[in-house]
Amino acid sequence: LEWQNEPSRYIFFISLLILTIISLLPQAGAEWTTSILSMSRRMSILYYSNENAQTHITTSSKRLIRYRHYLFALFIGFQE
């Protein structure tokens, strides 16, 4: 029980808190990007009726989803 009085305990808890915040960041970013993408898709339906802009937006959203999966795998690997 001697280690509980040392400052290393506080360093451990602070690093744990920072790691938790870092691991929560991609989830918030994913929700943010999906809301922005749905909004931009709605705007594109309103303004551009041609299929060119629609296909461009779907390809960019697929690319974002792929990068998001890589980010999740990276953070899970860091946490293990």
Protein backbone atom coordinates (compact mmCIF):
# COMPACT_ATOMS: atom_id res chain seq x y z
CA LEU A 1 0.00 0.00 0.00
CA GLU A 2 3.05 2.28 -0.05
CA TRP A 3 2.73 3.03 -3.77
CA GLN A 4 -0.66 4.71 -3.21
CA ASN A 5 1.01 7.64 -1.44
CA GLU A 6 3.50 8.20 -4.26
CA PRO A 7 2.90 10.68 -7.11
CA SER A 8 3.21 7.84 -9.64
CA ARG A 9 -0.37 6.91 -8.78
CA TYR A 10 -1.57 10.34 -9.94
CA ILE A 11 0.53 10.10 -13.10
CA PHE A 12 -1.07 6.71 -13.80
CA PHE A 13 -4.62 8.03 -13.35
CA ILE A 14 -3.94 11.14 -15.46
CA SER A 15 -2.48 9.04 -18.29
CA LEU A 16 -5.49 6.69 -18.06
CA LEU A 17 -7.85 9.67 -18.34
CA ILE A 18 -5.96 11.06 -21.36
CA LEU A 19 -6.05 7.65 -23.08
CA THR A 20 -9.80 7.38 -22.45
CA ILE A 21 -10.41 10.82 -23.97
CA ILE A 22 -8.25 9.94 -26.99
CA SER A 23 -10.16 6.69 -27.52
CA LEU A 24 -13.49 8.54 -27.32
CA LEU A 25 -12.47 11.14 -29.92
CA PRO A 26 -12.93 8.97 -33.08
CA GLN A 27 -16.47 8.05 -32.01
CA ALA A 28 -17.47 11.73 -31.74
CA GLY A 29 -15.69 12.45 -35.04
CA ALA A 30 -17.53 9.60 -36.76
CA GLU A 31 -20.93 10.91 -35.65
CA TRP A 32 -19.93 14.41 -36.76
CA THR A 33 -18.77 13.29 -40.23
CA THR A 34 -21.89 11.17 -40.82
CA SER A 35 -24.18 14.09 -39.92
CA ILE A 36 -22.23 16.43 -42.21
CA LEU A 37 -22.33 13.86 -45.04
CA SER A 38 -26.09 13.35 -44.74
CA MET A 39 -26.58 17.12 -44.73
CA SER A 40 -24.39 17.56 -47.82
CA ARG A 41 -26.29 14.74 -49.55
CA ARG A 42 -29.58 16.50 -48.85
CA MET A 43 -28.15 19.77 -50.15
CA SER A 44 -26.91 18.05 -53.30
CA ILE A 45 -30.37 16.56 -53.90
CA LEU A 46 -31.88 20.03 -53.50
CA TYR A 47 -29.40 21.97 -55.64
CA TYR A 48 -27.95 19.53 -58.18
CA SER A 49 -30.36 17.11 -59.76
CA ASN A 50 -27.64 15.61 -61.98
CA GLU A 51 -26.12 12.25 -61.02
CA ASN A 52 -22.55 13.53 -61.28
CA ALA A 53 -22.51 15.31 -57.91
CA GLN A 54 -24.40 12.44 -56.30
CA THR A 55 -21.81 9.83 -57.32
CA HIS A 56 -18.99 12.16 -56.21
CA ILE A 57 -20.51 12.54 -52.73
CA THR A 58 -21.11 8.78 -52.33
CA THR A 59 -17.49 7.97 -53.28
CA SER A 60 -16.16 10.55 -50.80
CA SER A 61 -18.40 9.14 -48.05
CA LYS A 62 -17.15 5.60 -48.78
CA ARG A 63 -13.57 6.87 -48.56
CA LEU A 64 -14.34 8.54 -45.19
CA ILE A 65 -15.91 5.34 -43.84
CA ARG A 66 -12.83 3.34 -44.89
CA TYR A 67 -10.49 5.81 -43.13
CA ARG A 68 -12.73 5.68 -40.05
CA HIS A 69 -12.38 1.88 -39.88
CA TYR A 70 -8.59 2.27 -40.07
CA LEU A 71 -8.74 4.83 -37.23
CA PHE A 72 -10.83 2.51 -35.06
CA ALA A 73 -8.42 -0.39 -35.66
CA LEU A 74 -5.49 1.87 -34.79
CA PHE A 75 -7.04 3.05 -31.52
CA ILE A 76 -8.08 -0.48 -30.52
CA GLY A 77 -4.51 -1.60 -31.16
CA PHE A 78 -3.18 1.21 -28.98
CA GLN A 79 -5.55 0.31 -26.16
CA GLU A 80 -4.68 -3.41 -26.09
